[in-house]
Amino acid sequence: CKEKSIHLNYKEAEILKLLMANPSSAVSKEDLITKVWGYDSDATDNNVEAYISFLRKKLQYLNSDVGITALRKVGYRLEEN
């Protein structure tokens, strides 16, 4: 982004891919857990919230025009700031 760059770990990259693949709709925490961690995972909502927080901080560091918005009881969506 501009002159800055960051490294995303695997789960961060997968979450961002899912959010980018669904630009006009929210992605639920359940969908994120299933698609990123897998069906048999012990991951919880807290895991998703932590990784969303990591991504938000990285996007902020980059001064990105895009942010991750939480939609209460629905999920997350990428939005232009």
Protein backbone atom coordinates (compact mmCIF):
# COMPACT_ATOMS: atom_id res chain seq x y z
CA CYS A 1 0.00 0.00 0.00
CA LYS A 2 1.73 3.12 -1.22
CA GLU A 3 5.34 2.76 -0.05
CA LYS A 4 4.69 0.48 2.93
CA SER A 5 4.35 -3.28 2.97
CA ILE A 6 3.49 -5.89 5.56
CA HIS A 7 3.63 -9.64 5.98
CA LEU A 8 0.39 -11.54 6.51
CA ASN A 9 0.47 -14.97 8.09
CA TYR A 10 -1.60 -17.75 6.56
CA LYS A 11 -4.77 -17.22 8.59
CA GLU A 12 -4.68 -13.43 8.14
CA ALA A 13 -4.32 -13.87 4.39
CA GLU A 14 -7.17 -16.38 4.23
CA ILE A 15 -9.49 -14.11 6.23
CA LEU A 16 -8.64 -11.16 4.00
CA LYS A 17 -9.25 -13.28 0.87
CA LEU A 18 -12.69 -14.27 2.14
CA LEU A 19 -13.58 -10.67 2.93
CA MET A 20 -12.37 -9.52 -0.51
CA ALA A 21 -14.30 -12.31 -2.23
CA ASN A 22 -17.54 -11.04 -0.65
CA PRO A 23 -17.33 -7.26 -1.10
CA SER A 24 -21.05 -6.53 -0.89
CA SER A 25 -21.95 -8.87 1.97
CA ALA A 26 -20.78 -9.70 5.46
CA VAL A 27 -18.87 -12.87 6.27
CA SER A 28 -20.01 -14.48 9.51
CA LYS A 29 -17.65 -15.60 12.25
CA GLU A 30 -18.94 -19.13 11.73
CA ASP A 31 -18.01 -19.02 8.03
CA LEU A 32 -14.57 -17.66 8.86
CA ILE A 33 -13.95 -20.41 11.40
CA THR A 34 -15.14 -23.13 9.02
CA LYS A 35 -13.21 -21.88 5.98
CA VAL A 36 -10.00 -20.72 7.68
CA TRP A 37 -9.58 -23.06 10.64
CA GLY A 38 -11.59 -26.03 9.29
CA TYR A 39 -14.71 -27.98 10.25
CA ASP A 40 -13.08 -29.97 13.04
CA SER A 41 -11.29 -27.03 14.60
CA ASP A 42 -11.57 -25.94 18.22
CA ALA A 43 -11.36 -22.28 17.13
CA THR A 44 -13.86 -19.93 18.73
CA ASP A 45 -15.25 -16.47 18.07
CA ASN A 46 -12.35 -15.09 20.13
CA ASN A 47 -9.87 -16.47 17.60
CA VAL A 48 -11.67 -14.67 14.78
CA GLU A 49 -11.83 -11.44 16.78
CA ALA A 50 -8.09 -11.62 17.50
CA TYR A 51 -7.16 -12.11 13.84
CA ILE A 52 -9.54 -9.35 12.74
CA SER A 53 -7.78 -7.09 15.26
CA PHE A 54 -4.37 -8.05 13.81
CA LEU A 55 -5.60 -7.24 10.29
CA ARG A 56 -7.11 -3.90 11.36
CA LYS A 57 -3.81 -2.85 12.93
CA LYS A 58 -1.90 -3.82 9.80
CA LEU A 59 -4.32 -1.95 7.54
CA GLN A 60 -4.06 1.08 9.79
CA TYR A 61 -0.25 0.90 9.70
CA LEU A 62 -0.44 0.95 5.90
CA ASN A 63 -2.78 3.97 5.97
CA SER A 64 -5.08 1.86 3.82
CA ASP A 65 -8.29 3.29 2.39
CA VAL A 66 -9.96 0.00 3.35
CA GLY A 67 -11.04 -1.12 6.80
CA ILE A 68 -12.83 -4.06 8.37
CA THR A 69 -16.25 -3.24 9.77
CA ALA A 70 -18.05 -5.40 12.30
CA LEU A 71 -21.76 -5.82 11.76
CA ARG A 72 -23.32 -6.77 15.07
CA LYS A 73 -24.65 -10.34 15.08
CA VAL A 74 -23.88 -10.66 11.36
CA GLY A 75 -20.13 -10.73 10.77
CA TYR A 76 -17.42 -8.66 9.11
CA ARG A 77 -17.15 -6.73 5.87
CA LEU A 78 -14.45 -4.75 4.09
CA GLU A 79 -15.39 -1.11 3.61
CA GLU A 80 -13.72 1.88 2.15
CA ASN A 81 -12.84 4.46 4.81
